[in-house]
Amino acid sequence: MPHFVIDCSQHILELKDPNSIILEVHSAASNTGLFDEPDIKVRLNPFKEHYLVGGKQDDFIHVFADVMEGRDTKQKANLSKQIVVALKRMFPKIPFIAVNVRDFEKATYCNKSMV
């Protein structure tokens, strides 16, 4: 935990190596000090078709961050900002880069090591 899922247009992967994008998000999340570095998970989902951004197929990056509850709004806002800053630095010409942070509820979360 946490999980960062990157949705993006396929063209993004022609601009930068997918692994470098994943590592950039991982590093930005780690640098906030909110998480133990080995616990950070990052995945990337490129979209070739079947998407619209502002009514057209324009390039985009959107990161969905799922974190265990317990961080305050200021911490989550900083996490979002740091990831956007890192991606904007990598992709200065991409018109849409965004992040949203959602909380996992500890009471309902379960993984393999818990059973």
PDB file of N, CA and C in Angstrom:
ATOM      1  N   MET A   1       0.865  -1.148   0.000  1.00  0.00           N
ATOM      2  CA  MET A   1       0.000   0.000   0.000  1.00  0.00           C
ATOM      3  C   MET A   1       0.906   1.202   0.000  1.00  0.00           C
ATOM      4  N   PRO A   2       0.738   2.189  -0.651  1.00  0.00           N
ATOM      5  CA  PRO A   2      -0.363   2.662  -1.491  1.00  0.00           C
ATOM      6  C   PRO A   2      -0.281   2.134  -2.923  1.00  0.00           C
ATOM      7  N   HIS A   3      -1.363   2.360  -3.659  1.00  0.00           N
ATOM      8  CA  HIS A   3      -1.428   1.982  -5.066  1.00  0.00           C
ATOM      9  C   HIS A   3      -1.591   3.234  -5.913  1.00  0.00           C
ATOM     10  N   PHE A   4      -0.797   3.334  -6.980  1.00  0.00           N
ATOM     11  CA  PHE A   4      -0.891   4.434  -7.928  1.00  0.00           C
ATOM     12  C   PHE A   4      -1.144   3.818  -9.300  1.00  0.00           C
ATOM     13  N   VAL A   5      -2.297   4.125  -9.870  1.00  0.00           N
ATOM     14  CA  VAL A   5      -2.658   3.600 -11.185  1.00  0.00           C
ATOM     15  C   VAL A   5      -2.661   4.776 -12.157  1.00  0.00           C
ATOM     16  N   ILE A   6      -1.810   4.683 -13.157  1.00  0.00           N
ATOM     17  CA  ILE A   6      -1.652   5.754 -14.140  1.00  0.00           C
ATOM     18  C   ILE A   6      -2.441   5.391 -15.389  1.00  0.00           C
ATOM     19  N   ASP A   7      -3.467   6.157 -15.691  1.00  0.00           N
ATOM     20  CA  ASP A   7      -4.157   6.058 -16.974  1.00  0.00           C
ATOM     21  C   ASP A   7      -3.554   7.128 -17.876  1.00  0.00           C
ATOM     22  N   CYS A   8      -3.312   6.771 -19.138  1.00  0.00           N
ATOM     23  CA  CYS A   8      -2.748   7.758 -20.060  1.00  0.00           C
ATOM     24  C   CYS A   8      -3.071   7.384 -21.493  1.00  0.00           C
ATOM     25  N   SER A   9      -2.944   8.358 -22.374  1.00  0.00           N
ATOM     26  CA  SER A   9      -3.079   8.080 -23.799  1.00  0.00           C
ATOM     27  C   SER A   9      -1.849   7.291 -24.255  1.00  0.00           C
ATOM     28  N   GLN A  10      -2.038   6.432 -25.225  1.00  0.00           N
ATOM     29  CA  GLN A  10      -0.965   5.576 -25.746  1.00  0.00           C
ATOM     30  C   GLN A  10       0.242   6.400 -26.216  1.00  0.00           C
ATOM     31  N   HIS A  11      -0.025   7.562 -26.775  1.00  0.00           N
ATOM     32  CA  HIS A  11       1.046   8.422 -27.299  1.00  0.00           C
ATOM     33  C   HIS A  11       2.069   8.792 -26.231  1.00  0.00           C
ATOM     34  N   ILE A  12       1.645   8.839 -24.983  1.00  0.00           N
ATOM     35  CA  ILE A  12       2.561   9.150 -23.875  1.00  0.00           C
ATOM     36  C   ILE A  12       3.730   8.169 -23.862  1.00  0.00           C
ATOM     37  N   LEU A  13       3.440   6.900 -24.170  1.00  0.00           N
ATOM     38  CA  LEU A  13       4.479   5.866 -24.125  1.00  0.00           C
ATOM     39  C   LEU A  13       5.444   5.966 -25.302  1.00  0.00           C
ATOM     40  N   GLU A  14       5.092   6.746 -26.305  1.00  0.00           N
ATOM     41  CA  GLU A  14       6.014   7.017 -27.406  1.00  0.00           C
ATOM     42  C   GLU A  14       6.944   8.177 -27.061  1.00  0.00           C
ATOM     43  N   LEU A  15       6.538   8.991 -26.102  1.00  0.00           N
ATOM     44  CA  LEU A  15       7.339  10.143 -25.691  1.00  0.00           C
ATOM     45  C   LEU A  15       8.376   9.775 -24.645  1.00  0.00           C
ATOM     46  N   LYS A  16       8.015   8.865 -23.750  1.00  0.00           N
ATOM     47  CA  LYS A  16       8.920   8.423 -22.676  1.00  0.00           C
ATOM     48  C   LYS A  16       8.744   6.929 -22.456  1.00  0.00           C
ATOM     49  N   ASP A  17       9.807   6.290 -22.025  1.00  0.00           N
ATOM     50  CA  ASP A  17       9.767   4.870 -21.690  1.00  0.00           C
ATOM     51  C   ASP A  17       8.778   4.643 -20.545  1.00  0.00           C
ATOM     52  N   PRO A  18       7.883   3.655 -20.675  1.00  0.00           N
ATOM     53  CA  PRO A  18       6.902   3.400 -19.609  1.00  0.00           C
ATOM     54  C   PRO A  18       7.530   3.215 -18.227  1.00  0.00           C
ATOM     55  N   ASN A  19       8.664   2.529 -18.167  1.00  0.00           N
ATOM     56  CA  ASN A  19       9.314   2.315 -16.874  1.00  0.00           C
ATOM     57  C   ASN A  19       9.777   3.627 -16.241  1.00  0.00           C
ATOM     58  N   SER A  20      10.192   4.583 -17.065  1.00  0.00           N
ATOM     59  CA  SER A  20      10.626   5.870 -16.507  1.00  0.00           C
ATOM     60  C   SER A  20       9.435   6.635 -15.928  1.00  0.00           C
ATOM     61  N   ILE A  21       8.266   6.484 -16.526  1.00  0.00           N
ATOM     62  CA  ILE A  21       7.054   7.130 -16.004  1.00  0.00           C
ATOM     63  C   ILE A  21       6.679   6.505 -14.662  1.00  0.00           C
ATOM     64  N   ILE A  22       6.689   5.181 -14.619  1.00  0.00           N
ATOM     65  CA  ILE A  22       6.375   4.458 -13.385  1.00  0.00           C
ATOM     66  C   ILE A  22       7.355   4.842 -12.284  1.00  0.00           C
ATOM     67  N   LEU A  23       8.630   4.888 -12.603  1.00  0.00           N
ATOM     68  CA  LEU A  23       9.642   5.247 -11.606  1.00  0.00           C
ATOM     69  C   LEU A  23       9.487   6.688 -11.135  1.00  0.00           C
ATOM     70  N   GLU A  24       9.080   7.576 -12.020  1.00  0.00           N
ATOM     71  CA  GLU A  24       8.892   8.983 -11.639  1.00  0.00           C
ATOM     72  C   GLU A  24       7.757   9.127 -10.627  1.00  0.00           C
ATOM     73  N   VAL A  25       6.646   8.443 -10.868  1.00  0.00           N
ATOM     74  CA  VAL A  25       5.525   8.482  -9.932  1.00  0.00           C
ATOM     75  C   VAL A  25       5.928   7.826  -8.609  1.00  0.00           C
ATOM     76  N   HIS A  26       6.618   6.695  -8.696  1.00  0.00           N
ATOM     77  CA  HIS A  26       7.101   6.007  -7.488  1.00  0.00           C
ATOM     78  C   HIS A  26       7.994   6.938  -6.665  1.00  0.00           C
ATOM     79  N   SER A  27       8.932   7.577  -7.324  1.00  0.00           N
ATOM     80  CA  SER A  27       9.874   8.468  -6.650  1.00  0.00           C
ATOM     81  C   SER A  27       9.170   9.672  -6.029  1.00  0.00           C
ATOM     82  N   ALA A  28       8.239  10.272  -6.762  1.00  0.00           N
ATOM     83  CA  ALA A  28       7.506  11.427  -6.227  1.00  0.00           C
ATOM     84  C   ALA A  28       6.719  11.028  -4.982  1.00  0.00           C
ATOM     85  N   ALA A  29       6.078   9.870  -5.022  1.00  0.00           N
ATOM     86  CA  ALA A  29       5.323   9.393  -3.858  1.00  0.00           C
ATOM     87  C   ALA A  29       6.259   9.105  -2.684  1.00  0.00           C
ATOM     88  N   SER A  30       7.366   8.459  -2.958  1.00  0.00           N
ATOM     89  CA  SER A  30       8.329   8.126  -1.915  1.00  0.00           C
ATOM     90  C   SER A  30       8.911   9.379  -1.278  1.00  0.00           C
ATOM     91  N   ASN A  31       9.198  10.380  -2.087  1.00  0.00           N
ATOM     92  CA  ASN A  31       9.821  11.610  -1.594  1.00  0.00           C
ATOM     93  C   ASN A  31       8.917  12.431  -0.671  1.00  0.00           C
ATOM     94  N   THR A  32       7.623  12.147  -0.651  1.00  0.00           N
ATOM     95  CA  THR A  32       6.737  12.857   0.270  1.00  0.00           C
ATOM     96  C   THR A  32       6.959  12.418   1.711  1.00  0.00           C
ATOM     97  N   GLY A  33       7.555  11.238   1.901  1.00  0.00           N
ATOM     98  CA  GLY A  33       7.772  10.713   3.244  1.00  0.00           C
ATOM     99  C   GLY A  33       6.532  10.116   3.883  1.00  0.00           C
ATOM    100  N   LEU A  34       5.451   9.989   3.113  1.00  0.00           N
ATOM    101  CA  LEU A  34       4.204   9.452   3.653  1.00  0.00           C
ATOM    102  C   LEU A  34       4.160   7.928   3.688  1.00  0.00           C
ATOM    103  N   PHE A  35       5.049   7.280   2.918  1.00  0.00           N
ATOM    104  CA  PHE A  35       4.959   5.829   2.745  1.00  0.00           C
ATOM    105  C   PHE A  35       6.331   5.203   2.884  1.00  0.00           C
ATOM    106  N   ASP A  36       6.343   3.933   3.292  1.00  0.00           N
ATOM    107  CA  ASP A  36       7.577   3.157   3.230  1.00  0.00           C
ATOM    108  C   ASP A  36       7.810   2.819   1.769  1.00  0.00           C
ATOM    109  N   GLU A  37       8.964   3.142   1.263  1.00  0.00           N
ATOM    110  CA  GLU A  37       9.266   3.009  -0.168  1.00  0.00           C
ATOM    111  C   GLU A  37       8.952   1.622  -0.722  1.00  0.00           C
ATOM    112  N   PRO A  38       9.275   0.523  -0.028  1.00  0.00           N
ATOM    113  CA  PRO A  38       8.979  -0.799  -0.602  1.00  0.00           C
ATOM    114  C   PRO A  38       7.481  -1.107  -0.703  1.00  0.00           C
ATOM    115  N   ASP A  39       6.649  -0.340  -0.017  1.00  0.00           N
ATOM    116  CA  ASP A  39       5.203  -0.591  -0.042  1.00  0.00           C
ATOM    117  C   ASP A  39       4.492   0.073  -1.219  1.00  0.00           C
ATOM    118  N   ILE A  40       5.166   0.965  -1.918  1.00  0.00           N
ATOM    119  CA  ILE A  40       4.536   1.727  -3.005  1.00  0.00           C
ATOM    120  C   ILE A  40       4.388   0.842  -4.235  1.00  0.00           C
ATOM    121  N   LYS A  41       3.168   0.831  -4.785  1.00  0.00           N
ATOM    122  CA  LYS A  41       2.873   0.044  -5.989  1.00  0.00           C
ATOM    123  C   LYS A  41       2.385   0.998  -7.078  1.00  0.00           C
ATOM    124  N   VAL A  42       2.939   0.854  -8.284  1.00  0.00           N
ATOM    125  CA  VAL A  42       2.571   1.730  -9.399  1.00  0.00           C
ATOM    126  C   VAL A  42       2.290   0.868 -10.624  1.00  0.00           C
ATOM    127  N   ARG A  43       1.165   1.153 -11.283  1.00  0.00           N
ATOM    128  CA  ARG A  43       0.789   0.457 -12.517  1.00  0.00           C
ATOM    129  C   ARG A  43       0.410   1.482 -13.574  1.00  0.00           C
ATOM    130  N   LEU A  44       0.535   1.090 -14.832  1.00  0.00           N
ATOM    131  CA  LEU A  44       0.259   2.002 -15.934  1.00  0.00           C
ATOM    132  C   LEU A  44      -0.711   1.359 -16.923  1.00  0.00           C
ATOM    133  N   ASN A  45      -1.755   2.096 -17.282  1.00  0.00           N
ATOM    134  CA  ASN A  45      -2.757   1.635 -18.250  1.00  0.00           C
ATOM    135  C   ASN A  45      -2.839   2.621 -19.412  1.00  0.00           C
ATOM    136  N   PRO A  46      -2.252   2.278 -20.564  1.00  0.00           N
ATOM    137  CA  PRO A  46      -2.380   3.178 -21.714  1.00  0.00           C
ATOM    138  C   PRO A  46      -3.691   2.928 -22.467  1.00  0.00           C
ATOM    139  N   PHE A  47      -4.258   4.000 -23.001  1.00  0.00           N
ATOM    140  CA  PHE A  47      -5.479   3.924 -23.799  1.00  0.00           C
ATOM    141  C   PHE A  47      -5.146   4.287 -25.237  1.00  0.00           C
ATOM    142  N   LYS A  48      -5.402   3.353 -26.148  1.00  0.00           N
ATOM    143  CA  LYS A  48      -5.172   3.570 -27.567  1.00  0.00           C
ATOM    144  C   LYS A  48      -6.385   4.227 -28.214  1.00  0.00           C
ATOM    145  N   GLU A  49      -7.548   3.772 -27.809  1.00  0.00           N
ATOM    146  CA  GLU A  49      -8.808   4.281 -28.344  1.00  0.00           C
ATOM    147  C   GLU A  49      -9.810   4.365 -27.205  1.00  0.00           C
ATOM    148  N   HIS A  50     -11.005   4.724 -27.537  1.00  0.00           N
ATOM    149  CA  HIS A  50     -12.106   4.703 -26.575  1.00  0.00           C
ATOM    150  C   HIS A  50     -11.884   5.626 -25.382  1.00  0.00           C
ATOM    151  N   TYR A  51     -11.481   6.849 -25.655  1.00  0.00           N
ATOM    152  CA  TYR A  51     -11.383   7.868 -24.610  1.00  0.00           C
ATOM    153  C   TYR A  51     -11.563   9.240 -25.244  1.00  0.00           C
ATOM    154  N   LEU A  52     -12.029  10.171 -24.455  1.00  0.00           N
ATOM    155  CA  LEU A  52     -12.138  11.566 -24.864  1.00  0.00           C
ATOM    156  C   LEU A  52     -11.618  12.447 -23.738  1.00  0.00           C
ATOM    157  N   VAL A  53     -10.935  13.490 -24.104  1.00  0.00           N
ATOM    158  CA  VAL A  53     -10.470  14.508 -23.164  1.00  0.00           C
ATOM    159  C   VAL A  53     -10.936  15.839 -23.735  1.00  0.00           C
ATOM    160  N   GLY A  54     -11.895  16.451 -23.077  1.00  0.00           N
ATOM    161  CA  GLY A  54     -12.435  17.701 -23.600  1.00  0.00           C
ATOM    162  C   GLY A  54     -13.125  17.514 -24.939  1.00  0.00           C
ATOM    163  N   GLY A  55     -13.725  16.342 -25.147  1.00  0.00           N
ATOM    164  CA  GLY A  55     -14.458  16.076 -26.378  1.00  0.00           C
ATOM    165  C   GLY A  55     -13.612  15.601 -27.549  1.00  0.00           C
ATOM    166  N   LYS A  56     -12.314  15.368 -27.318  1.00  0.00           N
ATOM    167  CA  LYS A  56     -11.449  14.873 -28.408  1.00  0.00           C
ATOM    168  C   LYS A  56     -10.399  13.925 -27.850  1.00  0.00           C
ATOM    169  N   GLN A  57      -9.735  13.222 -28.734  1.00  0.00           N
ATOM    170  CA  GLN A  57      -8.674  12.309 -28.295  1.00  0.00           C
ATOM    171  C   GLN A  57      -7.364  13.079 -28.184  1.00  0.00           C
ATOM    172  N   ASP A  58      -7.219  13.754 -27.064  1.00  0.00           N
ATOM    173  CA  ASP A  58      -6.015  14.515 -26.781  1.00  0.00           C
ATOM    174  C   ASP A  58      -5.188  13.736 -25.757  1.00  0.00           C
ATOM    175  N   ASP A  59      -3.905  14.014 -25.711  1.00  0.00           N
ATOM    176  CA  ASP A  59      -3.045  13.327 -24.751  1.00  0.00           C
ATOM    177  C   ASP A  59      -3.423  13.689 -23.320  1.00  0.00           C
ATOM    178  N   PHE A  60      -3.298  12.706 -22.437  1.00  0.00           N
ATOM    179  CA  PHE A  60      -3.617  12.918 -21.028  1.00  0.00           C
ATOM    180  C   PHE A  60      -2.849  11.948 -20.157  1.00  0.00           C
ATOM    181  N   ILE A  61      -2.699  12.339 -18.894  1.00  0.00           N
ATOM    182  CA  ILE A  61      -2.198  11.466 -17.834  1.00  0.00           C
ATOM    183  C   ILE A  61      -3.079  11.733 -16.619  1.00  0.00           C
ATOM    184  N   HIS A  62      -3.631  10.682 -16.048  1.00  0.00           N
ATOM    185  CA  HIS A  62      -4.393  10.811 -14.808  1.00  0.00           C
ATOM    186  C   HIS A  62      -3.944   9.703 -13.869  1.00  0.00           C
ATOM    187  N   VAL A  63      -3.537  10.093 -12.675  1.00  0.00           N
ATOM    188  CA  VAL A  63      -3.071   9.140 -11.676  1.00  0.00           C
ATOM    189  C   VAL A  63      -4.145   9.006 -10.591  1.00  0.00           C
ATOM    190  N   PHE A  64      -4.568   7.767 -10.368  1.00  0.00           N
ATOM    191  CA  PHE A  64      -5.494   7.449  -9.294  1.00  0.00           C
ATOM    192  C   PHE A  64      -4.662   6.893  -8.142  1.00  0.00           C
ATOM    193  N   ALA A  65      -4.642   7.613  -7.029  1.00  0.00           N
ATOM    194  CA  ALA A  65      -3.850   7.206  -5.874  1.00  0.00           C
ATOM    195  C   ALA A  65      -4.786   6.698  -4.787  1.00  0.00           C
ATOM    196  N   ASP A  66      -4.608   5.450  -4.395  1.00  0.00           N
ATOM    197  CA  ASP A  66      -5.380   4.852  -3.311  1.00  0.00           C
ATOM    198  C   ASP A  66      -4.434   4.639  -2.135  1.00  0.00           C
ATOM    199  N   VAL A  67      -4.723   5.314  -1.029  1.00  0.00           N
ATOM    200  CA  VAL A  67      -3.857   5.249   0.151  1.00  0.00           C
ATOM    201  C   VAL A  67      -4.675   4.821   1.361  1.00  0.00           C
ATOM    202  N   MET A  68      -4.002   4.206   2.334  1.00  0.00           N
ATOM    203  CA  MET A  68      -4.682   3.816   3.563  1.00  0.00           C
ATOM    204  C   MET A  68      -5.113   5.067   4.311  1.00  0.00           C
ATOM    205  N   GLU A  69      -6.322   5.050   4.838  1.00  0.00           N
ATOM    206  CA  GLU A  69      -6.839   6.192   5.580  1.00  0.00           C
ATOM    207  C   GLU A  69      -5.866   6.582   6.689  1.00  0.00           C
ATOM    208  N   GLY A  70      -5.938   7.845   7.099  1.00  0.00           N
ATOM    209  CA  GLY A  70      -5.078   8.305   8.183  1.00  0.00           C
ATOM    210  C   GLY A  70      -4.232   9.510   7.817  1.00  0.00           C
ATOM    211  N   ARG A  71      -4.103   9.784   6.530  1.00  0.00           N
ATOM    212  CA  ARG A  71      -3.377  10.989   6.125  1.00  0.00           C
ATOM    213  C   ARG A  71      -4.360  12.153   6.099  1.00  0.00           C
ATOM    214  N   ASP A  72      -3.886  13.337   6.464  1.00  0.00           N
ATOM    215  CA  ASP A  72      -4.785  14.481   6.456  1.00  0.00           C
ATOM    216  C   ASP A  72      -4.850  15.115   5.066  1.00  0.00           C
ATOM    217  N   THR A  73      -5.764  16.046   4.913  1.00  0.00           N
ATOM    218  CA  THR A  73      -5.992  16.681   3.612  1.00  0.00           C
ATOM    219  C   THR A  73      -4.735  17.374   3.102  1.00  0.00           C
ATOM    220  N   LYS A  74      -4.007  18.024   3.972  1.00  0.00           N
ATOM    221  CA  LYS A  74      -2.777  18.717   3.570  1.00  0.00           C
ATOM    222  C   LYS A  74      -1.752  17.723   3.012  1.00  0.00           C
ATOM    223  N   GLN A  75      -1.603  16.586   3.660  1.00  0.00           N
ATOM    224  CA  GLN A  75      -0.653  15.566   3.188  1.00  0.00           C
ATOM    225  C   GLN A  75      -1.072  15.019   1.825  1.00  0.00           C
ATOM    226  N   LYS A  76      -2.354  14.748   1.660  1.00  0.00           N
ATOM    227  CA  LYS A  76      -2.842  14.202   0.387  1.00  0.00           C
ATOM    228  C   LYS A  76      -2.752  15.244  -0.723  1.00  0.00           C
ATOM    229  N   ALA A  77      -3.005  16.504  -0.403  1.00  0.00           N
ATOM    230  CA  ALA A  77      -2.865  17.573  -1.398  1.00  0.00           C
ATOM    231  C   ALA A  77      -1.414  17.705  -1.838  1.00  0.00           C
ATOM    232  N   ASN A  78      -0.489  17.607  -0.895  1.00  0.00           N
ATOM    233  CA  ASN A  78       0.929  17.674  -1.238  1.00  0.00           C
ATOM    234  C   ASN A  78       1.335  16.484  -2.103  1.00  0.00           C
ATOM    235  N   LEU A  79       0.831  15.306  -1.785  1.00  0.00           N
ATOM    236  CA  LEU A  79       1.106  14.118  -2.599  1.00  0.00           C
ATOM    237  C   LEU A  79       0.660  14.351  -4.038  1.00  0.00           C
ATOM    238  N   SER A  80      -0.566  14.828  -4.218  1.00  0.00           N
ATOM    239  CA  SER A  80      -1.078  15.113  -5.561  1.00  0.00           C
ATOM    240  C   SER A  80      -0.184  16.117  -6.278  1.00  0.00           C
ATOM    241  N   LYS A  81       0.134  17.187  -5.584  1.00  0.00           N
ATOM    242  CA  LYS A  81       0.947  18.245  -6.198  1.00  0.00           C
ATOM    243  C   LYS A  81       2.319  17.734  -6.620  1.00  0.00           C
ATOM    244  N   GLN A  82       2.967  16.958  -5.757  1.00  0.00           N
ATOM    245  CA  GLN A  82       4.311  16.469  -6.076  1.00  0.00           C
ATOM    246  C   GLN A  82       4.307  15.545  -7.289  1.00  0.00           C
ATOM    247  N   ILE A  83       3.277  14.734  -7.419  1.00  0.00           N
ATOM    248  CA  ILE A  83       3.190  13.851  -8.590  1.00  0.00           C
ATOM    249  C   ILE A  83       2.932  14.669  -9.854  1.00  0.00           C
ATOM    250  N   VAL A  84       2.030  15.647  -9.779  1.00  0.00           N
ATOM    251  CA  VAL A  84       1.763  16.492 -10.948  1.00  0.00           C
ATOM    252  C   VAL A  84       3.019  17.271 -11.344  1.00  0.00           C
ATOM    253  N   VAL A  85       3.734  17.820 -10.376  1.00  0.00           N
ATOM    254  CA  VAL A  85       4.973  18.547 -10.670  1.00  0.00           C
ATOM    255  C   VAL A  85       5.970  17.650 -11.401  1.00  0.00           C
ATOM    256  N   ALA A  86       6.140  16.422 -10.912  1.00  0.00           N
ATOM    257  CA  ALA A  86       7.086  15.486 -11.533  1.00  0.00           C
ATOM    258  C   ALA A  86       6.666  15.140 -12.956  1.00  0.00           C
ATOM    259  N   LEU A  87       5.374  14.876 -13.159  1.00  0.00           N
ATOM    260  CA  LEU A  87       4.900  14.516 -14.501  1.00  0.00           C
ATOM    261  C   LEU A  87       4.927  15.714 -15.443  1.00  0.00           C
ATOM    262  N   LYS A  88       4.624  16.885 -14.930  1.00  0.00           N
ATOM    263  CA  LYS A  88       4.679  18.100 -15.761  1.00  0.00           C
ATOM    264  C   LYS A  88       6.112  18.360 -16.231  1.00  0.00           C
ATOM    265  N   ARG A  89       7.074  18.090 -15.357  1.00  0.00           N
ATOM    266  CA  ARG A  89       8.484  18.240 -15.721  1.00  0.00           C
ATOM    267  C   ARG A  89       8.842  17.253 -16.840  1.00  0.00           C
ATOM    268  N   MET A  90       8.327  16.028 -16.754  1.00  0.00           N
ATOM    269  CA  MET A  90       8.590  15.014 -17.786  1.00  0.00           C
ATOM    270  C   MET A  90       7.869  15.322 -19.092  1.00  0.00           C
ATOM    271  N   PHE A  91       6.655  15.875 -18.979  1.00  0.00           N
ATOM    272  CA  PHE A  91       5.773  16.075 -20.131  1.00  0.00           C
ATOM    273  C   PHE A  91       5.252  17.510 -20.173  1.00  0.00           C
ATOM    274  N   PRO A  92       6.117  18.472 -20.439  1.00  0.00           N
ATOM    275  CA  PRO A  92       5.689  19.876 -20.385  1.00  0.00           C
ATOM    276  C   PRO A  92       4.617  20.251 -21.420  1.00  0.00           C
ATOM    277  N   LYS A  93       4.484  19.487 -22.482  1.00  0.00           N
ATOM    278  CA  LYS A  93       3.516  19.829 -23.533  1.00  0.00           C
ATOM    279  C   LYS A  93       2.204  19.054 -23.448  1.00  0.00           C
ATOM    280  N   ILE A  94       2.089  18.138 -22.503  1.00  0.00           N
ATOM    281  CA  ILE A  94       0.839  17.375 -22.362  1.00  0.00           C
ATOM    282  C   ILE A  94      -0.205  18.294 -21.729  1.00  0.00           C
ATOM    283  N   PRO A  95      -1.366  18.445 -22.382  1.00  0.00           N
ATOM    284  CA  PRO A  95      -2.342  19.425 -21.905  1.00  0.00           C
ATOM    285  C   PRO A  95      -3.094  19.032 -20.638  1.00  0.00           C
ATOM    286  N   PHE A  96      -3.199  17.733 -20.336  1.00  0.00           N
ATOM    287  CA  PHE A  96      -3.984  17.318 -19.179  1.00  0.00           C
ATOM    288  C   PHE A  96      -3.183  16.340 -18.335  1.00  0.00           C
ATOM    289  N   ILE A  97      -2.806  16.780 -17.139  1.00  0.00           N
ATOM    290  CA  ILE A  97      -2.127  15.937 -16.159  1.00  0.00           C
ATOM    291  C   ILE A  97      -2.834  16.171 -14.827  1.00  0.00           C
ATOM    292  N   ALA A  98      -3.310  15.097 -14.205  1.00  0.00           N
ATOM    293  CA  ALA A  98      -4.047  15.246 -12.946  1.00  0.00           C
ATOM    294  C   ALA A  98      -3.841  14.037 -12.047  1.00  0.00           C
ATOM    295  N   VAL A  99      -4.128  14.250 -10.766  1.00  0.00           N
ATOM    296  CA  VAL A  99      -4.048  13.192  -9.756  1.00  0.00           C
ATOM    297  C   VAL A  99      -5.232  13.354  -8.826  1.00  0.00           C
ATOM    298  N   ASN A 100      -5.807  12.246  -8.417  1.00  0.00           N
ATOM    299  CA  ASN A 100      -6.741  12.301  -7.302  1.00  0.00           C
ATOM    300  C   ASN A 100      -6.369  11.220  -6.293  1.00  0.00           C
ATOM    301  N   VAL A 101      -6.583  11.540  -5.020  1.00  0.00           N
ATOM    302  CA  VAL A 101      -6.212  10.651  -3.934  1.00  0.00           C
ATOM    303  C   VAL A 101      -7.492  10.171  -3.247  1.00  0.00           C
ATOM    304  N   ARG A 102      -7.581   8.869  -3.093  1.00  0.00           N
ATOM    305  CA  ARG A 102      -8.725   8.257  -2.400  1.00  0.00           C
ATOM    306  C   ARG A 102      -8.203   7.436  -1.232  1.00  0.00           C
ATOM    307  N   ASP A 103      -9.004   7.365  -0.171  1.00  0.00           N
ATOM    308  CA  ASP A 103      -8.629   6.594   1.015  1.00  0.00           C
ATOM    309  C   ASP A 103      -9.186   5.181   0.961  1.00  0.00           C
ATOM    310  N   PHE A 104      -8.325   4.212   1.317  1.00  0.00           N
ATOM    311  CA  PHE A 104      -8.786   2.868   1.631  1.00  0.00           C
ATOM    312  C   PHE A 104      -9.320   2.918   3.058  1.00  0.00           C
ATOM    313  N   GLU A 105     -10.385   2.219   3.326  1.00  0.00           N
ATOM    314  CA  GLU A 105     -10.892   2.107   4.685  1.00  0.00           C
ATOM    315  C   GLU A 105     -10.188   0.918   5.342  1.00  0.00           C
ATOM    316  N   LYS A 106      -9.450   1.184   6.414  1.00  0.00           N
ATOM    317  CA  LYS A 106      -8.672   0.143   7.078  1.00  0.00           C
ATOM    318  C   LYS A 106      -9.537  -1.034   7.530  1.00  0.00           C
ATOM    319  N   ALA A 107     -10.737  -0.746   8.011  1.00  0.00           N
ATOM    320  CA  ALA A 107     -11.625  -1.788   8.526  1.00  0.00           C
ATOM    321  C   ALA A 107     -12.052  -2.782   7.453  1.00  0.00           C
ATOM    322  N   THR A 108     -12.087  -2.376   6.196  1.00  0.00           N
ATOM    323  CA  THR A 108     -12.562  -3.264   5.135  1.00  0.00           C
ATOM    324  C   THR A 108     -11.455  -3.742   4.207  1.00  0.00           C
ATOM    325  N   TYR A 109     -10.235  -3.290   4.407  1.00  0.00           N
ATOM    326  CA  TYR A 109      -9.114  -3.696   3.557  1.00  0.00           C
ATOM    327  C   TYR A 109      -8.605  -5.064   3.975  1.00  0.00           C
ATOM    328  N   CYS A 110      -8.290  -5.893   2.984  1.00  0.00           N
ATOM    329  CA  CYS A 110      -7.715  -7.209   3.265  1.00  0.00           C
ATOM    330  C   CYS A 110      -6.742  -7.564   2.147  1.00  0.00           C
ATOM    331  N   ASN A 111      -5.635  -8.173   2.503  1.00  0.00           N
ATOM    332  CA  ASN A 111      -4.734  -8.710   1.487  1.00  0.00           C
ATOM    333  C   ASN A 111      -4.302 -10.119   1.914  1.00  0.00           C
ATOM    334  N   LYS A 112      -3.547 -10.751   1.062  1.00  0.00           N
ATOM    335  CA  LYS A 112      -3.161 -12.155   1.249  1.00  0.00           C
ATOM    336  C   LYS A 112      -2.487 -12.422   2.593  1.00  0.00           C
ATOM    337  N   SER A 113      -1.638 -11.514   3.026  1.00  0.00           N
ATOM    338  CA  SER A 113      -0.917 -11.760   4.276  1.00  0.00           C
ATOM    339  C   SER A 113      -1.794 -11.607   5.517  1.00  0.00           C
ATOM    340  N   MET A 114      -2.997 -11.100   5.340  1.00  0.00           N
ATOM    341  CA  MET A 114      -3.901 -10.876   6.478  1.00  0.00           C
ATOM    342  C   MET A 114      -4.823 -12.064   6.732  1.00  0.00           C
ATOM    343  N   VAL A 115      -4.838 -13.053   5.843  1.00  0.00           N
ATOM    344  CA  VAL A 115      -5.719 -14.203   6.031  1.00  0.00           C
ATOM    345  C   VAL A 115      -4.940 -15.483   6.207  1.00  0.00           C
TER     346      VAL A 115
END
